Each structure stands twice: as C-alpha cells, then as structure tokens.
Amino acid sequence: MMNKKYIVEVIERKTKEVIKHFEFDNYRKADRVEEGLLRQSNLEKFDVVMRCE
C-alpha cells in the first residue's frame, strides 16, 4: 500500500507562482495548515490549495 502525500500550496493569483509548499503524510495536519492559512488576512492576493498525490 502506497502512502498518500497531502500537499498544501500558497499560490500567487496574478502570476500562478507557488510561494510556499508543504507536504504531509497525514490529512488532518494538512487540513489544519490549510484552514490556518485561509484564515490569515494578509493572504488575500493568494490562493491556498490542498491536493493529494
């Protein structure tokens, strides 16, 4: 059985450039980081994306 990796990225909307990249083996940790980033008011020009590989 392969381990899934959960990736959380902060992407600048204008340029589509990945600003920050996090990798987790645990969905709950990735979800907590994503939720925390989405609550930050200084990230209004960025998208926060979580995906699974």
N, C-alpha and C. Protein backbone atom coordinates (compact mmCIF):
# COMPACT_ATOMS: atom_id res chain seq x y z
N MET A 1 0.84 -1.19 0.00
CA MET A 1 0.00 0.00 0.00
C MET A 1 0.88 1.25 0.00
N MET A 2 0.61 2.13 -0.92
CA MET A 2 1.41 3.36 -1.02
C MET A 2 0.89 4.40 -0.04
N ASN A 3 1.83 5.16 0.51
CA ASN A 3 1.43 6.26 1.40
C ASN A 3 1.04 7.46 0.56
N LYS A 4 -0.08 8.06 0.94
CA LYS A 4 -0.52 9.27 0.25
C LYS A 4 0.23 10.46 0.82
N LYS A 5 0.49 11.42 -0.02
CA LYS A 5 1.07 12.69 0.41
C LYS A 5 0.04 13.78 0.17
N TYR A 6 -0.16 14.59 1.19
CA TYR A 6 -1.09 15.71 1.10
C TYR A 6 -0.25 16.97 0.97
N ILE A 7 -0.48 17.71 -0.09
CA ILE A 7 0.33 18.89 -0.40
C ILE A 7 -0.53 20.13 -0.26
N VAL A 8 -0.02 21.09 0.50
CA VAL A 8 -0.68 22.38 0.67
C VAL A 8 0.24 23.42 0.04
N GLU A 9 -0.30 24.23 -0.87
CA GLU A 9 0.50 25.25 -1.55
C GLU A 9 -0.18 26.60 -1.46
N VAL A 10 0.65 27.63 -1.34
CA VAL A 10 0.18 29.01 -1.41
C VAL A 10 0.61 29.51 -2.78
N ILE A 11 -0.35 29.93 -3.60
CA ILE A 11 -0.09 30.32 -4.99
C ILE A 11 -0.52 31.76 -5.21
N GLU A 12 0.37 32.56 -5.79
CA GLU A 12 0.02 33.95 -6.12
C GLU A 12 -0.97 33.94 -7.28
N ARG A 13 -2.08 34.62 -7.12
CA ARG A 13 -3.14 34.60 -8.15
C ARG A 13 -2.68 35.20 -9.47
N LYS A 14 -1.96 36.30 -9.41
CA LYS A 14 -1.59 37.03 -10.62
C LYS A 14 -0.61 36.24 -11.50
N THR A 15 0.43 35.68 -10.89
CA THR A 15 1.48 35.01 -11.66
C THR A 15 1.37 33.49 -11.65
N LYS A 16 0.50 32.94 -10.80
CA LYS A 16 0.34 31.48 -10.63
C LYS A 16 1.61 30.83 -10.08
N GLU A 17 2.48 31.61 -9.45
CA GLU A 17 3.72 31.10 -8.88
C GLU A 17 3.47 30.51 -7.50
N VAL A 18 4.08 29.34 -7.23
CA VAL A 18 3.97 28.72 -5.91
C VAL A 18 4.91 29.46 -4.97
N ILE A 19 4.33 30.07 -3.93
CA ILE A 19 5.10 30.85 -2.97
C ILE A 19 5.57 29.97 -1.82
N LYS A 20 4.70 29.08 -1.36
CA LYS A 20 5.02 28.21 -0.23
C LYS A 20 4.47 26.82 -0.51
N HIS A 21 5.23 25.79 -0.12
CA HIS A 21 4.88 24.40 -0.41
C HIS A 21 5.07 23.57 0.86
N PHE A 22 4.02 22.86 1.27
CA PHE A 22 4.09 21.99 2.45
C PHE A 22 3.68 20.59 2.03
N GLU A 23 4.35 19.55 2.58
CA GLU A 23 3.97 18.16 2.32
C GLU A 23 3.71 17.46 3.65
N PHE A 24 2.62 16.70 3.70
CA PHE A 24 2.24 15.97 4.90
C PHE A 24 1.84 14.56 4.54
N ASP A 25 2.06 13.62 5.46
CA ASP A 25 1.58 12.24 5.30
C ASP A 25 0.20 12.08 5.92
N ASN A 26 -0.20 13.05 6.71
CA ASN A 26 -1.44 12.97 7.48
C ASN A 26 -2.43 14.02 7.00
N TYR A 27 -3.64 13.58 6.65
CA TYR A 27 -4.66 14.51 6.14
C TYR A 27 -5.03 15.57 7.17
N ARG A 28 -5.15 15.19 8.43
CA ARG A 28 -5.57 16.16 9.46
C ARG A 28 -4.57 17.30 9.61
N LYS A 29 -3.28 16.97 9.57
CA LYS A 29 -2.26 18.03 9.66
C LYS A 29 -2.36 18.97 8.46
N ALA A 30 -2.49 18.40 7.28
CA ALA A 30 -2.59 19.21 6.06
C ALA A 30 -3.84 20.08 6.11
N ASP A 31 -4.95 19.52 6.57
CA ASP A 31 -6.19 20.28 6.65
C ASP A 31 -6.07 21.42 7.65
N ARG A 32 -5.42 21.17 8.79
CA ARG A 32 -5.23 22.22 9.80
C ARG A 32 -4.38 23.36 9.27
N VAL A 33 -3.32 23.02 8.54
CA VAL A 33 -2.45 24.05 7.96
C VAL A 33 -3.22 24.85 6.91
N GLU A 34 -3.98 24.16 6.06
CA GLU A 34 -4.77 24.84 5.04
C GLU A 34 -5.79 25.79 5.68
N GLU A 35 -6.51 25.33 6.69
CA GLU A 35 -7.50 26.17 7.36
C GLU A 35 -6.84 27.38 8.02
N GLY A 36 -5.69 27.18 8.64
CA GLY A 36 -4.97 28.28 9.27
C GLY A 36 -4.54 29.32 8.25
N LEU A 37 -4.05 28.86 7.10
CA LEU A 37 -3.63 29.79 6.05
C LEU A 37 -4.82 30.55 5.48
N LEU A 38 -5.95 29.87 5.32
CA LEU A 38 -7.14 30.53 4.76
C LEU A 38 -7.68 31.61 5.69
N ARG A 39 -7.43 31.49 6.98
CA ARG A 39 -7.91 32.49 7.95
C ARG A 39 -7.04 33.74 8.00
N GLN A 40 -5.84 33.68 7.46
CA GLN A 40 -4.92 34.82 7.52
C GLN A 40 -5.37 35.91 6.55
N SER A 41 -5.50 37.11 7.06
CA SER A 41 -5.99 38.23 6.24
C SER A 41 -4.93 38.75 5.27
N ASN A 42 -3.65 38.49 5.53
CA ASN A 42 -2.60 39.01 4.64
C ASN A 42 -2.41 38.15 3.39
N LEU A 43 -3.22 37.14 3.21
CA LEU A 43 -3.09 36.27 2.03
C LEU A 43 -4.21 36.50 1.02
N GLU A 44 -4.76 37.72 0.99
CA GLU A 44 -5.90 37.99 0.10
C GLU A 44 -5.52 37.95 -1.38
N LYS A 45 -4.25 38.11 -1.72
CA LYS A 45 -3.82 38.08 -3.13
C LYS A 45 -3.31 36.69 -3.53
N PHE A 46 -3.55 35.71 -2.67
CA PHE A 46 -3.04 34.36 -2.89
C PHE A 46 -4.16 33.33 -2.78
N ASP A 47 -3.95 32.19 -3.41
CA ASP A 47 -4.85 31.05 -3.27
C ASP A 47 -4.14 29.99 -2.43
N VAL A 48 -4.89 29.32 -1.59
CA VAL A 48 -4.36 28.21 -0.80
C VAL A 48 -5.02 26.94 -1.33
N VAL A 49 -4.19 25.98 -1.76
CA VAL A 49 -4.70 24.78 -2.41
C VAL A 49 -4.16 23.55 -1.70
N MET A 50 -5.04 22.56 -1.47
CA MET A 50 -4.59 21.28 -0.94
C MET A 50 -4.90 20.22 -1.98
N ARG A 51 -3.92 19.33 -2.21
CA ARG A 51 -4.13 18.23 -3.15
C ARG A 51 -3.47 16.97 -2.61
N CYS A 52 -3.84 15.86 -3.17
CA CYS A 52 -3.34 14.57 -2.72
C CYS A 52 -2.59 13.88 -3.86
N GLU A 53 -1.46 13.31 -3.53
CA GLU A 53 -0.69 12.54 -4.54
C GLU A 53 -0.47 11.13 -4.05
